[in-house]
Protein backbone atom coordinates (compact mmCIF):
# COMPACT_ATOMS: atom_id res chain seq x y z
CA TYR A 1 104.59 110.60 104.21
CA ALA A 2 108.20 110.83 103.10
CA GLN A 3 107.35 111.24 99.59
CA MET A 4 104.81 113.91 99.99
CA PRO A 5 106.93 116.94 99.82
CA HIS A 6 108.17 116.00 96.36
CA ALA A 7 104.41 115.69 95.10
CA LYS A 8 103.28 118.42 92.66
CA PHE A 9 99.75 118.02 93.56
CA ASP A 10 97.52 118.53 96.60
CA PHE A 11 96.18 115.49 98.68
CA VAL A 12 92.36 115.35 99.61
CA ALA A 13 90.66 113.19 101.80
CA ALA A 14 87.51 114.46 103.85
CA ASN A 15 86.42 111.39 105.93
CA TYR A 16 89.77 110.70 107.80
CA ASP A 17 90.41 112.80 110.86
CA PHE A 18 94.19 113.21 110.92
CA LYS A 19 94.26 115.04 114.25
CA ASN A 20 97.31 113.68 116.27
CA THR A 21 99.02 112.50 113.31
CA LEU A 22 101.60 113.49 110.87
CA LEU A 23 99.33 114.05 108.15
CA ASP A 24 97.23 116.84 110.29
CA GLY A 25 97.03 119.92 108.39
CA ILE A 26 98.67 118.50 105.35
CA ILE A 27 95.85 116.58 103.72
CA LYS A 28 92.73 118.82 103.10
CA PRO A 29 89.18 117.66 102.70
CA TYR A 30 88.58 119.49 99.37
CA LYS A 31 90.07 121.83 96.75
CA VAL A 32 88.39 124.11 94.38
CA PHE A 33 89.93 124.71 90.71
CA HIS A 34 88.93 127.65 88.45
CA LYS A 35 89.10 126.47 84.86
CA ASN A 36 87.86 128.92 82.11
CA GLY A 37 85.54 130.77 84.45
CA ILE A 38 84.06 127.32 85.70
CA LYS A 39 84.55 126.34 89.50
CA VAL A 40 85.20 122.77 90.03
CA GLY A 41 85.16 121.43 93.49
CA VAL A 42 86.80 118.23 94.11
CA PHE A 43 86.88 116.26 97.59
CA GLY A 44 88.14 112.85 98.54
CA ILE A 45 86.62 109.84 100.25
CA GLY A 46 88.43 106.78 101.46
CA ILE A 47 87.71 103.28 102.41
CA GLN A 48 87.62 101.95 106.28
CA LEU A 49 91.13 101.23 107.18
CA GLU A 50 90.52 98.94 110.16
CA GLY A 51 90.98 95.07 109.00
CA LEU A 52 92.38 96.52 105.60
CA VAL A 53 95.57 98.38 106.62
CA ASP A 54 97.75 97.38 109.54
CA LYS A 55 97.01 99.69 112.54
CA LYS A 56 100.72 100.68 112.71
CA MET A 57 100.25 102.27 109.52
CA TYR A 58 97.22 104.48 110.31
CA LEU A 59 97.69 104.88 114.15
CA GLU A 60 95.11 107.36 115.43
CA THR A 61 93.62 108.24 112.09
CA VAL A 62 89.88 108.17 112.72
CA TYR A 63 87.42 107.13 109.90
CA LYS A 64 84.15 109.05 109.52
CA ASP A 65 81.01 107.96 107.77
CA PRO A 66 81.58 108.53 103.91
CA VAL A 67 77.97 109.07 103.06
CA GLU A 68 77.66 111.61 105.82
CA ILE A 69 80.86 113.31 105.09
CA SER A 70 80.31 113.15 101.11
CA GLN A 71 76.80 115.13 101.72
CA GLU A 72 78.54 117.71 103.87
CA MET A 73 81.17 118.22 101.43
CA SER A 74 79.04 118.48 98.11
CA ARG A 75 76.57 120.87 100.22
CA LEU A 76 79.66 123.06 101.19
CA LEU A 77 81.01 122.98 97.44
CA LYS A 78 77.82 123.28 95.59
CA LYS A 79 75.83 125.55 98.08
CA GLU A 80 78.16 127.74 99.78
CA LEU A 81 81.28 127.91 97.45
CA GLN A 82 79.03 127.87 94.44
CA CYS A 83 80.78 125.25 92.50
CA ASP A 84 79.51 124.43 88.94
CA VAL A 85 80.66 120.90 89.39
CA VAL A 86 81.44 118.90 92.19
CA ILE A 87 83.77 115.75 92.01
CA CYS A 88 84.19 112.86 94.33
CA LEU A 89 87.56 111.24 94.36
CA SER A 90 86.66 107.74 95.76
CA HIS A 91 88.39 105.02 97.18
CA LEU A 92 85.53 103.21 98.46
CA GLY A 93 84.96 100.58 95.64
CA TYR A 94 82.64 100.40 92.61
CA ALA A 95 80.38 97.97 93.89
CA TYR A 96 80.07 94.86 96.50
CA GLN A 97 77.75 91.84 95.60
CA ARG A 98 78.69 89.87 98.58
CA ASP A 99 78.24 92.61 101.04
CA GLU A 100 75.18 94.74 100.19
CA SER A 101 75.60 96.75 103.44
CA ARG A 102 79.19 97.96 102.49
CA ILE A 103 79.23 101.24 101.04
CA SER A 104 80.50 101.78 97.40
CA ASP A 105 80.54 104.42 94.82
CA LEU A 106 77.30 103.27 93.51
CA LYS A 107 75.45 103.38 96.86
CA LEU A 108 77.20 106.68 97.62
CA ALA A 109 75.65 108.10 94.52
CA GLN A 110 72.32 106.93 95.37
CA LEU A 111 72.44 108.23 98.98
CA THR A 112 73.57 111.71 98.34
CA GLN A 113 72.95 114.93 96.28
CA ASP A 114 74.81 117.60 94.43
CA ILE A 115 77.83 115.34 93.22
CA ASP A 116 78.07 115.23 89.56
CA LEU A 117 80.98 112.70 89.25
CA ILE A 118 82.37 110.07 91.39
CA ILE A 119 85.85 108.96 90.03
CA GLY A 120 86.35 105.68 91.97
CA GLY A 121 89.25 103.30 92.69
CA HIS A 122 89.89 100.30 95.03
CA THR A 123 88.23 97.49 93.26
CA HIS A 124 90.15 97.94 89.95
CA THR A 125 86.81 98.01 87.86
CA PHE A 126 87.17 98.53 84.20
CA LEU A 127 84.52 100.49 82.90
CA GLU A 128 84.16 101.48 79.17
CA LYS A 129 81.77 104.51 79.80
CA PRO A 130 80.63 105.88 83.13
CA THR A 131 77.62 104.27 84.89
CA VAL A 132 74.71 106.79 85.37
CA VAL A 133 72.96 106.73 88.83
CA GLN A 134 70.06 108.46 90.17
CA ASN A 135 70.81 110.46 93.44
CA VAL A 136 68.63 110.99 96.31
CA VAL A 137 66.69 113.73 94.67
CA GLY A 138 66.44 111.95 91.26
CA GLU A 139 69.22 113.75 89.54
CA GLU A 140 71.99 111.94 87.29
CA VAL A 141 75.56 111.35 88.88
CA LEU A 142 78.21 109.72 86.96
CA VAL A 143 80.24 106.87 88.44
CA ASN A 144 83.37 105.92 86.78
CA GLN A 145 86.30 103.76 87.42
CA VAL A 146 89.09 102.78 84.58
CA GLY A 147 90.76 99.76 86.20
CA CYS A 148 94.13 99.97 87.72
CA TYR A 149 97.89 100.61 87.53
CA GLY A 150 97.69 103.44 85.17
CA ILE A 151 96.48 100.95 82.16
CA ASN A 152 93.67 103.05 80.97
CA LEU A 153 93.04 106.84 81.27
CA GLY A 154 89.55 108.13 81.66
CA ARG A 155 88.02 111.32 80.26
CA ILE A 156 84.47 112.81 81.00
CA ASP A 157 83.37 116.14 79.42
CA PHE A 158 80.97 118.52 81.00
CA TYR A 159 79.46 121.19 78.76
CA PHE A 160 78.01 124.54 79.78
CA ASP A 161 75.92 127.14 78.28
CA SER A 162 77.13 130.74 78.54
CA ASN A 163 75.59 131.33 81.92
CA ARG A 164 77.57 128.43 83.48
CA ASN A 165 74.53 126.24 83.36
CA LYS A 166 75.59 122.46 82.83
CA LYS A 167 74.01 121.10 79.80
CA THR A 168 75.19 117.87 78.93
CA HIS A 169 77.95 115.41 79.50
CA GLY A 170 79.86 112.66 77.38
């Protein structure tokens, strides 16, 4: 918290309720960027804190279901705010073989719609290229994670025609 005023960027986390904490009103659920006539909606999703982070560190922060919140955010960004691209910044983890019930980036992609890209963290997974996942309505979602500690920098390009229709990605 003490370093947040020095950041030159916004913080986004949609599935934590920060009411009654110092972060209330500081961390937003999403942000919309305008780049060369394209609207990019970005929202954040975090992992369950209980059992992972000392309770003294998150106090009254309430964790909300990441699938439900992601679907709410992606609907808002794509349908209501008419974003051309919706990106989820996730700290859920790429995948969990031992605990199939645990929500991961791959599961989040399968269970939602209107998300174009999930950029993940937490499991420090090194992917050479994004994983393509079919979402709940059969559309492609890119899921990527480039490791940890800033070792790699990832890049994903989306291409649009003159009518702002998404063409291909690479």
